[in-house]
Amino acid sequence: MTRTSPWTILIAGALATLAFDFFGQALSPLLGFSKLAPVGLAQATIKTVFGSAPKGIGDAVHIINGLLIYSLGYALVARPIQSRVWPNLHWSATAVVYGIGLWIFALYGVAHLIAGNKPFLGWTGITWVALWGHILYAVVLVWAIEKAPLTQSFKPAEA
């Protein structure tokens, strides 16, 4: 990846967040699995940290994380590390590893260490739906960033 525009980051984050929410809040329950509640987790985390949480802050945190924070995490941290450590690794492998990292961050770092829930939410059904949801998020995000026209290196047309 040579360059990524701010619009690419936002659009990729939007597509990935839609995929995550569709999978975790619609498709997974339709198939008989747990339903993800990222807004509830964000709301509970804010309440734990600050003592109270205004109505709607969970939605705002979830959307900002999906659109911007996690997108920037890939573009500014995960991808540069991967390109130095294993430069020929396909983007999809990097995406899966990044998704697993997001899952660990969300379910252990945020849900457990900050919000006070059991580690990985007690290894229940929601744990595994969250794992697949974060991997899906990362695959959609990275695909959108890596395949966007502005992420390709500029090559002058041959005469």
C-alpha atoms as a PDB file:
ATOM      1  CA  MET A   1       0.000   0.000   0.000  1.00  0.00           C
ATOM      2  CA  THR A   2       1.572   3.254  -1.056  1.00  0.00           C
ATOM      3  CA  ARG A   3      -1.060   5.850  -0.191  1.00  0.00           C
ATOM      4  CA  THR A   4      -4.542   5.880   1.215  1.00  0.00           C
ATOM      5  CA  SER A   5      -6.907   8.828   1.106  1.00  0.00           C
ATOM      6  CA  PRO A   6      -8.998   9.856   4.107  1.00  0.00           C
ATOM      7  CA  TRP A   7     -12.104   9.044   2.055  1.00  0.00           C
ATOM      8  CA  THR A   8     -10.843   5.519   1.438  1.00  0.00           C
ATOM      9  CA  ILE A   9     -10.353   5.067   5.186  1.00  0.00           C
ATOM     10  CA  LEU A  10     -13.882   6.322   5.954  1.00  0.00           C
ATOM     11  CA  ILE A  11     -15.604   4.376   3.170  1.00  0.00           C
ATOM     12  CA  ALA A  12     -13.734   1.182   4.050  1.00  0.00           C
ATOM     13  CA  GLY A  13     -14.651   1.681   7.722  1.00  0.00           C
ATOM     14  CA  ALA A  14     -18.294   2.276   6.816  1.00  0.00           C
ATOM     15  CA  LEU A  15     -18.483  -0.865   4.672  1.00  0.00           C
ATOM     16  CA  ALA A  16     -16.743  -2.929   7.337  1.00  0.00           C
ATOM     17  CA  THR A  17     -18.990  -1.603  10.118  1.00  0.00           C
ATOM     18  CA  LEU A  18     -22.084  -2.403   8.058  1.00  0.00           C
ATOM     19  CA  ALA A  19     -20.800  -5.937   7.464  1.00  0.00           C
ATOM     20  CA  PHE A  20     -19.995  -6.380  11.167  1.00  0.00           C
ATOM     21  CA  ASP A  21     -23.397  -5.105  12.302  1.00  0.00           C
ATOM     22  CA  PHE A  22     -25.339  -7.058   9.660  1.00  0.00           C
ATOM     23  CA  PHE A  23     -23.537 -10.262  10.602  1.00  0.00           C
ATOM     24  CA  GLY A  24     -23.604  -9.790  14.369  1.00  0.00           C
ATOM     25  CA  GLN A  25     -27.032  -8.256  14.844  1.00  0.00           C
ATOM     26  CA  ALA A  26     -29.073  -9.772  12.007  1.00  0.00           C
ATOM     27  CA  LEU A  27     -27.531 -12.800  10.317  1.00  0.00           C
ATOM     28  CA  SER A  28     -26.110 -14.529  13.388  1.00  0.00           C
ATOM     29  CA  PRO A  29     -29.399 -14.449  15.355  1.00  0.00           C
ATOM     30  CA  LEU A  30     -31.316 -15.515  12.228  1.00  0.00           C
ATOM     31  CA  LEU A  31     -29.095 -18.602  12.114  1.00  0.00           C
ATOM     32  CA  GLY A  32     -29.715 -19.337  15.791  1.00  0.00           C
ATOM     33  CA  PHE A  33     -26.486 -17.918  17.198  1.00  0.00           C
ATOM     34  CA  SER A  34     -25.839 -15.081  19.630  1.00  0.00           C
ATOM     35  CA  LYS A  35     -26.517 -11.451  18.790  1.00  0.00           C
ATOM     36  CA  LEU A  36     -23.686  -8.968  19.195  1.00  0.00           C
ATOM     37  CA  ALA A  37     -24.235  -5.839  21.255  1.00  0.00           C
ATOM     38  CA  PRO A  38     -21.317  -3.499  20.460  1.00  0.00           C
ATOM     39  CA  VAL A  39     -23.331  -0.412  21.394  1.00  0.00           C
ATOM     40  CA  GLY A  40     -24.177  -1.903  24.785  1.00  0.00           C
ATOM     41  CA  LEU A  41     -20.523  -2.739  25.401  1.00  0.00           C
ATOM     42  CA  ALA A  42     -19.461   0.785  24.434  1.00  0.00           C
ATOM     43  CA  GLN A  43     -22.170   2.280  26.670  1.00  0.00           C
ATOM     44  CA  ALA A  44     -21.129   0.079  29.627  1.00  0.00           C
ATOM     45  CA  THR A  45     -17.465   0.900  29.103  1.00  0.00           C
ATOM     46  CA  ILE A  46     -18.107   4.650  29.103  1.00  0.00           C
ATOM     47  CA  LYS A  47     -20.228   4.279  32.242  1.00  0.00           C
ATOM     48  CA  THR A  48     -17.487   2.284  33.980  1.00  0.00           C
ATOM     49  CA  VAL A  49     -14.769   4.778  33.081  1.00  0.00           C
ATOM     50  CA  PHE A  50     -16.672   8.019  33.704  1.00  0.00           C
ATOM     51  CA  GLY A  51     -19.351   6.971  36.198  1.00  0.00           C
ATOM     52  CA  SER A  52     -22.204   7.799  33.846  1.00  0.00           C
ATOM     53  CA  ALA A  53     -22.922   7.553  30.148  1.00  0.00           C
ATOM     54  CA  PRO A  54     -25.180   9.947  28.255  1.00  0.00           C
ATOM     55  CA  LYS A  55     -27.826   8.356  26.099  1.00  0.00           C
ATOM     56  CA  GLY A  56     -26.463   7.685  22.613  1.00  0.00           C
ATOM     57  CA  ILE A  57     -22.774   7.716  23.533  1.00  0.00           C
ATOM     58  CA  GLY A  58     -22.528   3.963  22.912  1.00  0.00           C
ATOM     59  CA  ASP A  59     -23.751   4.446  19.348  1.00  0.00           C
ATOM     60  CA  ALA A  60     -21.299   7.298  18.799  1.00  0.00           C
ATOM     61  CA  VAL A  61     -18.345   5.313  20.143  1.00  0.00           C
ATOM     62  CA  HIS A  62     -19.261   2.242  18.072  1.00  0.00           C
ATOM     63  CA  ILE A  63     -19.612   4.272  14.872  1.00  0.00           C
ATOM     64  CA  ILE A  64     -16.426   6.301  15.412  1.00  0.00           C
ATOM     65  CA  ASN A  65     -14.445   3.140  16.185  1.00  0.00           C
ATOM     66  CA  GLY A  66     -15.775   1.355  13.113  1.00  0.00           C
ATOM     67  CA  LEU A  67     -15.441   4.256  10.690  1.00  0.00           C
ATOM     68  CA  LEU A  68     -12.193   5.761  11.849  1.00  0.00           C
ATOM     69  CA  ILE A  69     -10.246   4.292  14.763  1.00  0.00           C
ATOM     70  CA  TYR A  70     -10.037   0.658  13.625  1.00  0.00           C
ATOM     71  CA  SER A  71      -9.525   1.761  10.010  1.00  0.00           C
ATOM     72  CA  LEU A  72      -6.618   3.958  11.014  1.00  0.00           C
ATOM     73  CA  GLY A  73      -5.291   1.126  13.179  1.00  0.00           C
ATOM     74  CA  TYR A  74      -4.960  -1.008  10.092  1.00  0.00           C
ATOM     75  CA  ALA A  75      -3.581   1.696   7.808  1.00  0.00           C
ATOM     76  CA  LEU A  76      -1.125   3.213  10.300  1.00  0.00           C
ATOM     77  CA  VAL A  77      -0.120   0.241  12.464  1.00  0.00           C
ATOM     78  CA  ALA A  78      -1.025  -3.244  11.211  1.00  0.00           C
ATOM     79  CA  ARG A  79      -0.216  -2.790   7.522  1.00  0.00           C
ATOM     80  CA  PRO A  80       3.152  -1.062   8.063  1.00  0.00           C
ATOM     81  CA  ILE A  81       4.197  -3.767  10.542  1.00  0.00           C
ATOM     82  CA  GLN A  82       3.132  -6.520   8.155  1.00  0.00           C
ATOM     83  CA  SER A  83       4.933  -4.907   5.223  1.00  0.00           C
ATOM     84  CA  ARG A  84       8.191  -4.826   7.214  1.00  0.00           C
ATOM     85  CA  VAL A  85       7.918  -8.280   8.785  1.00  0.00           C
ATOM     86  CA  TRP A  86       6.460 -10.251   5.872  1.00  0.00           C
ATOM     87  CA  PRO A  87       6.176  -7.992   2.807  1.00  0.00           C
ATOM     88  CA  ASN A  88       4.808 -10.617   0.401  1.00  0.00           C
ATOM     89  CA  LEU A  89       2.010 -11.785   2.696  1.00  0.00           C
ATOM     90  CA  HIS A  90      -1.372 -11.523   0.978  1.00  0.00           C
ATOM     91  CA  TRP A  91      -3.676  -8.790   2.298  1.00  0.00           C
ATOM     92  CA  SER A  92      -6.279 -11.388   3.333  1.00  0.00           C
ATOM     93  CA  ALA A  93      -3.916 -13.032   5.825  1.00  0.00           C
ATOM     94  CA  THR A  94      -3.087  -9.652   7.310  1.00  0.00           C
ATOM     95  CA  ALA A  95      -6.819  -8.932   7.555  1.00  0.00           C
ATOM     96  CA  VAL A  96      -7.549 -12.159   9.449  1.00  0.00           C
ATOM     97  CA  VAL A  97      -4.731 -11.498  11.908  1.00  0.00           C
ATOM     98  CA  TYR A  98      -5.920  -7.908  12.343  1.00  0.00           C
ATOM     99  CA  GLY A  99      -9.486  -9.118  12.948  1.00  0.00           C
ATOM    100  CA  ILE A 100      -8.283 -11.525  15.637  1.00  0.00           C
ATOM    101  CA  GLY A 101      -6.337  -8.671  17.201  1.00  0.00           C
ATOM    102  CA  LEU A 102      -9.470  -6.483  17.230  1.00  0.00           C
ATOM    103  CA  TRP A 103     -11.411  -9.346  18.840  1.00  0.00           C
ATOM    104  CA  ILE A 104      -8.800  -9.745  21.594  1.00  0.00           C
ATOM    105  CA  PHE A 105      -8.784  -5.978  22.139  1.00  0.00           C
ATOM    106  CA  ALA A 106     -12.601  -5.798  22.308  1.00  0.00           C
ATOM    107  CA  LEU A 107     -13.347  -8.881  24.396  1.00  0.00           C
ATOM    108  CA  TYR A 108     -10.348  -8.923  26.685  1.00  0.00           C
ATOM    109  CA  GLY A 109      -9.077  -5.356  26.719  1.00  0.00           C
ATOM    110  CA  VAL A 110     -12.351  -3.443  26.654  1.00  0.00           C
ATOM    111  CA  ALA A 111     -15.005  -5.888  27.894  1.00  0.00           C
ATOM    112  CA  HIS A 112     -12.858  -7.444  30.632  1.00  0.00           C
ATOM    113  CA  LEU A 113     -10.107  -5.061  31.705  1.00  0.00           C
ATOM    114  CA  ILE A 114     -12.115  -1.859  31.368  1.00  0.00           C
ATOM    115  CA  ALA A 115     -15.814  -2.795  31.651  1.00  0.00           C
ATOM    116  CA  GLY A 116     -15.274  -5.572  34.203  1.00  0.00           C
ATOM    117  CA  ASN A 117     -16.930  -8.492  32.397  1.00  0.00           C
ATOM    118  CA  LYS A 118     -15.510 -12.007  32.410  1.00  0.00           C
ATOM    119  CA  PRO A 119     -12.525 -12.451  30.072  1.00  0.00           C
ATOM    120  CA  PHE A 120     -13.820 -13.034  26.541  1.00  0.00           C
ATOM    121  CA  LEU A 121     -17.329 -12.712  27.993  1.00  0.00           C
ATOM    122  CA  GLY A 122     -17.029 -16.127  29.632  1.00  0.00           C
ATOM    123  CA  TRP A 123     -16.353 -18.038  26.400  1.00  0.00           C
ATOM    124  CA  THR A 124     -20.052 -18.194  25.577  1.00  0.00           C
ATOM    125  CA  GLY A 125     -21.748 -18.125  22.182  1.00  0.00           C
ATOM    126  CA  ILE A 126     -21.252 -14.378  21.871  1.00  0.00           C
ATOM    127  CA  THR A 127     -17.487 -14.906  22.105  1.00  0.00           C
ATOM    128  CA  TRP A 128     -17.408 -16.876  18.864  1.00  0.00           C
ATOM    129  CA  VAL A 129     -19.863 -14.649  17.024  1.00  0.00           C
ATOM    130  CA  ALA A 130     -17.663 -11.712  18.018  1.00  0.00           C
ATOM    131  CA  LEU A 131     -14.575 -13.510  16.705  1.00  0.00           C
ATOM    132  CA  TRP A 132     -16.150 -14.092  13.287  1.00  0.00           C
ATOM    133  CA  GLY A 133     -17.641 -10.597  13.305  1.00  0.00           C
ATOM    134  CA  HIS A 134     -14.263  -8.968  13.909  1.00  0.00           C
ATOM    135  CA  ILE A 135     -12.606 -11.123  11.256  1.00  0.00           C
ATOM    136  CA  LEU A 136     -15.370 -10.204   8.797  1.00  0.00           C
ATOM    137  CA  TYR A 137     -14.972  -6.527   9.716  1.00  0.00           C
ATOM    138  CA  ALA A 138     -11.223  -6.699   9.068  1.00  0.00           C
ATOM    139  CA  VAL A 139     -11.523  -8.606   5.789  1.00  0.00           C
ATOM    140  CA  VAL A 140     -14.059  -6.106   4.410  1.00  0.00           C
ATOM    141  CA  LEU A 141     -12.009  -3.166   5.697  1.00  0.00           C
ATOM    142  CA  VAL A 142      -8.712  -4.374   4.289  1.00  0.00           C
ATOM    143  CA  TRP A 143     -10.255  -5.452   0.991  1.00  0.00           C
ATOM    144  CA  ALA A 144     -11.788  -1.978   0.563  1.00  0.00           C
ATOM    145  CA  ILE A 145      -8.522  -0.228   1.453  1.00  0.00           C
ATOM    146  CA  GLU A 146      -6.266  -2.479  -0.609  1.00  0.00           C
ATOM    147  CA  LYS A 147      -8.515  -2.503  -3.670  1.00  0.00           C
ATOM    148  CA  ALA A 148      -9.402   1.192  -3.707  1.00  0.00           C
ATOM    149  CA  PRO A 149      -7.894   3.067  -6.666  1.00  0.00           C
ATOM    150  CA  LEU A 150      -6.047   5.567  -4.458  1.00  0.00           C
ATOM    151  CA  THR A 151      -4.162   2.809  -2.663  1.00  0.00           C
ATOM    152  CA  GLN A 152      -2.431   1.663  -5.831  1.00  0.00           C
ATOM    153  CA  SER A 153       0.930   3.134  -6.657  1.00  0.00           C
ATOM    154  CA  PHE A 154       0.893   5.692  -9.424  1.00  0.00           C
ATOM    155  CA  LYS A 155       2.383   4.372 -12.636  1.00  0.00           C
ATOM    156  CA  PRO A 156       2.567   6.638 -15.670  1.00  0.00           C
ATOM    157  CA  ALA A 157       0.950   5.273 -18.801  1.00  0.00           C
ATOM    158  CA  GLU A 158       3.364   3.687 -21.213  1.00  0.00           C
ATOM    159  CA  ALA A 159       3.727   5.444 -24.554  1.00  0.00           C
END
